[in-house]
Amino acid sequence: MTKIIYIIIALIVGYLIGRYTTKSDNLPEKEKRLQQIMDLLDKQDQITNNEVEKLLGISDASAERYLNELEKRGKLVQIGKTGTKVSYRKRA
């Protein structure tokens, strides 16, 4: 019985360590990509989801997550509500 408890504890600890390590490893890459988006906005007034997809070589959903993150941080403003008319610009 105690062996089972030790195994369960070890699995939980391993899971938590793996989860923590994965998040910290991805952080620099995420910040790098967010900076690439902001750098492109230094060169042009607006950016679309499709431009972010091409710039970073990522999926539509990932591009949307990056743009939403920058909007949440107060760095971007969304122009338009839905569809192909949506673009983003730097917050003034």
Foldseek 3Di string as FASTA:
>chain_A
DVVVVVVVVVVVVVVVVVVVVVVVVCVVVLVVLLVQVVVVLVVPFKADLVNSCVSVVDDSVVSVVSVVVCVVVQQWDWDDDDDPVIIIGGDD
